[in-house]
Amino acid sequence: MGAAALVGGALAGVLYDISVPLLIVVVAGIQTAALVLLWVTRAVRSTPVR
């Protein structure tokens, strides 16, 4: 988890240097992907096994 935080921070720093609107778009996209993965994970775990 520490390595992922390091990579995320570095990516945010690079994107901040390039373009703040691009940083916002990338972060929003990553958050959307995380939300979709959360919904899929919860749906799979709540489905009863037959």
N, C-alpha and C. Protein backbone atom coordinates (compact mmCIF):
# COMPACT_ATOMS: atom_id res chain seq x y z
N MET A 1 0.82 -1.18 0.00
CA MET A 1 0.00 0.00 0.00
C MET A 1 0.87 1.25 0.00
N GLY A 2 2.01 1.19 0.63
CA GLY A 2 2.91 2.33 0.65
C GLY A 2 3.44 2.66 -0.74
N ALA A 3 3.74 1.62 -1.51
CA ALA A 3 4.24 1.84 -2.87
C ALA A 3 3.16 2.49 -3.74
N ALA A 4 1.92 2.06 -3.57
CA ALA A 4 0.82 2.66 -4.34
C ALA A 4 0.63 4.12 -3.96
N ALA A 5 0.78 4.44 -2.70
CA ALA A 5 0.67 5.84 -2.26
C ALA A 5 1.80 6.68 -2.85
N LEU A 6 2.99 6.12 -2.92
CA LEU A 6 4.13 6.82 -3.51
C LEU A 6 3.89 7.08 -4.99
N VAL A 7 3.44 6.06 -5.72
CA VAL A 7 3.17 6.22 -7.15
C VAL A 7 2.04 7.21 -7.38
N GLY A 8 0.99 7.13 -6.57
CA GLY A 8 -0.13 8.06 -6.71
C GLY A 8 0.29 9.49 -6.45
N GLY A 9 1.11 9.70 -5.45
CA GLY A 9 1.59 11.04 -5.15
C GLY A 9 2.48 11.59 -6.25
N ALA A 10 3.33 10.72 -6.78
CA ALA A 10 4.21 11.14 -7.87
C ALA A 10 3.39 11.47 -9.12
N LEU A 11 2.40 10.65 -9.43
CA LEU A 11 1.54 10.91 -10.58
C LEU A 11 0.79 12.22 -10.41
N ALA A 12 0.26 12.45 -9.22
CA ALA A 12 -0.45 13.71 -8.96
C ALA A 12 0.48 14.91 -9.12
N GLY A 13 1.71 14.78 -8.65
CA GLY A 13 2.67 15.87 -8.79
C GLY A 13 3.02 16.17 -10.23
N VAL A 14 3.24 15.13 -11.01
CA VAL A 14 3.55 15.31 -12.43
C VAL A 14 2.37 15.94 -13.16
N LEU A 15 1.17 15.44 -12.89
CA LEU A 15 -0.01 15.99 -13.55
C LEU A 15 -0.25 17.43 -13.11
N TYR A 16 0.04 17.76 -11.88
CA TYR A 16 -0.12 19.13 -11.39
C TYR A 16 0.81 20.07 -12.14
N ASP A 17 2.02 19.60 -12.40
CA ASP A 17 2.98 20.42 -13.16
C ASP A 17 2.54 20.60 -14.61
N ILE A 18 1.92 19.58 -15.18
CA ILE A 18 1.50 19.64 -16.58
C ILE A 18 0.24 20.47 -16.73
N SER A 19 -0.83 20.08 -15.99
CA SER A 19 -2.11 20.74 -16.16
C SER A 19 -3.03 20.36 -15.00
N VAL A 20 -3.54 21.38 -14.31
CA VAL A 20 -4.47 21.12 -13.20
C VAL A 20 -5.79 20.53 -13.70
N PRO A 21 -6.36 21.02 -14.80
CA PRO A 21 -7.59 20.37 -15.30
C PRO A 21 -7.38 18.90 -15.66
N LEU A 22 -6.21 18.57 -16.22
CA LEU A 22 -5.91 17.17 -16.52
C LEU A 22 -5.83 16.36 -15.23
N LEU A 23 -5.23 16.92 -14.19
CA LEU A 23 -5.16 16.25 -12.89
C LEU A 23 -6.57 15.96 -12.38
N ILE A 24 -7.46 16.93 -12.50
CA ILE A 24 -8.84 16.74 -12.04
C ILE A 24 -9.53 15.63 -12.81
N VAL A 25 -9.34 15.61 -14.12
CA VAL A 25 -9.98 14.58 -14.96
C VAL A 25 -9.44 13.19 -14.60
N VAL A 26 -8.14 13.08 -14.43
CA VAL A 26 -7.53 11.78 -14.11
C VAL A 26 -8.00 11.29 -12.74
N VAL A 27 -8.00 12.17 -11.75
CA VAL A 27 -8.44 11.78 -10.41
C VAL A 27 -9.92 11.39 -10.42
N ALA A 28 -10.75 12.14 -11.14
CA ALA A 28 -12.17 11.80 -11.24
C ALA A 28 -12.36 10.44 -11.92
N GLY A 29 -11.56 10.16 -12.94
CA GLY A 29 -11.65 8.86 -13.61
C GLY A 29 -11.24 7.72 -12.71
N ILE A 30 -10.18 7.91 -11.95
CA ILE A 30 -9.73 6.87 -11.02
C ILE A 30 -10.77 6.64 -9.93
N GLN A 31 -11.37 7.71 -9.43
CA GLN A 31 -12.40 7.58 -8.40
C GLN A 31 -13.64 6.87 -8.95
N THR A 32 -14.00 7.17 -10.19
CA THR A 32 -15.14 6.49 -10.83
C THR A 32 -14.86 5.01 -10.99
N ALA A 33 -13.66 4.67 -11.43
CA ALA A 33 -13.29 3.26 -11.57
C ALA A 33 -13.32 2.55 -10.22
N ALA A 34 -12.86 3.21 -9.17
CA ALA A 34 -12.89 2.62 -7.83
C ALA A 34 -14.32 2.39 -7.36
N LEU A 35 -15.21 3.34 -7.67
CA LEU A 35 -16.61 3.18 -7.28
C LEU A 35 -17.25 2.01 -8.02
N VAL A 36 -16.96 1.86 -9.30
CA VAL A 36 -17.49 0.74 -10.08
C VAL A 36 -16.97 -0.58 -9.51
N LEU A 37 -15.68 -0.64 -9.20
CA LEU A 37 -15.12 -1.86 -8.61
C LEU A 37 -15.76 -2.18 -7.26
N LEU A 38 -16.06 -1.16 -6.48
CA LEU A 38 -16.74 -1.37 -5.20
C LEU A 38 -18.12 -1.96 -5.43
N TRP A 39 -18.88 -1.38 -6.36
CA TRP A 39 -20.23 -1.90 -6.65
C TRP A 39 -20.18 -3.35 -7.14
N VAL A 40 -19.23 -3.66 -8.02
CA VAL A 40 -19.11 -5.03 -8.55
C VAL A 40 -18.74 -5.99 -7.43
N THR A 41 -17.80 -5.60 -6.59
CA THR A 41 -17.38 -6.46 -5.49
C THR A 41 -18.53 -6.72 -4.52
N ARG A 42 -19.29 -5.68 -4.20
CA ARG A 42 -20.42 -5.85 -3.28
C ARG A 42 -21.50 -6.71 -3.91
N ALA A 43 -21.74 -6.57 -5.22
CA ALA A 43 -22.76 -7.38 -5.90
C ALA A 43 -22.35 -8.84 -5.92
N VAL A 44 -21.09 -9.12 -6.15
CA VAL A 44 -20.62 -10.51 -6.20
C VAL A 44 -20.69 -11.13 -4.82
N ARG A 45 -20.32 -10.39 -3.80
CA ARG A 45 -20.34 -10.95 -2.43
C ARG A 45 -21.75 -11.12 -1.90
N SER A 46 -22.71 -10.31 -2.36
CA SER A 46 -24.07 -10.42 -1.83
C SER A 46 -24.92 -11.42 -2.62
N THR A 47 -24.42 -11.93 -3.74
CA THR A 47 -25.15 -12.93 -4.53
C THR A 47 -25.05 -14.28 -3.83
N PRO A 48 -26.20 -14.88 -3.52
CA PRO A 48 -26.16 -16.19 -2.85
C PRO A 48 -25.62 -17.27 -3.79
N VAL A 49 -24.85 -18.19 -3.23
CA VAL A 49 -24.31 -19.30 -3.99
C VAL A 49 -25.29 -20.44 -3.94
N ARG A 50 -25.57 -21.02 -5.09
CA ARG A 50 -26.54 -22.15 -5.15
C ARG A 50 -25.86 -23.45 -5.32
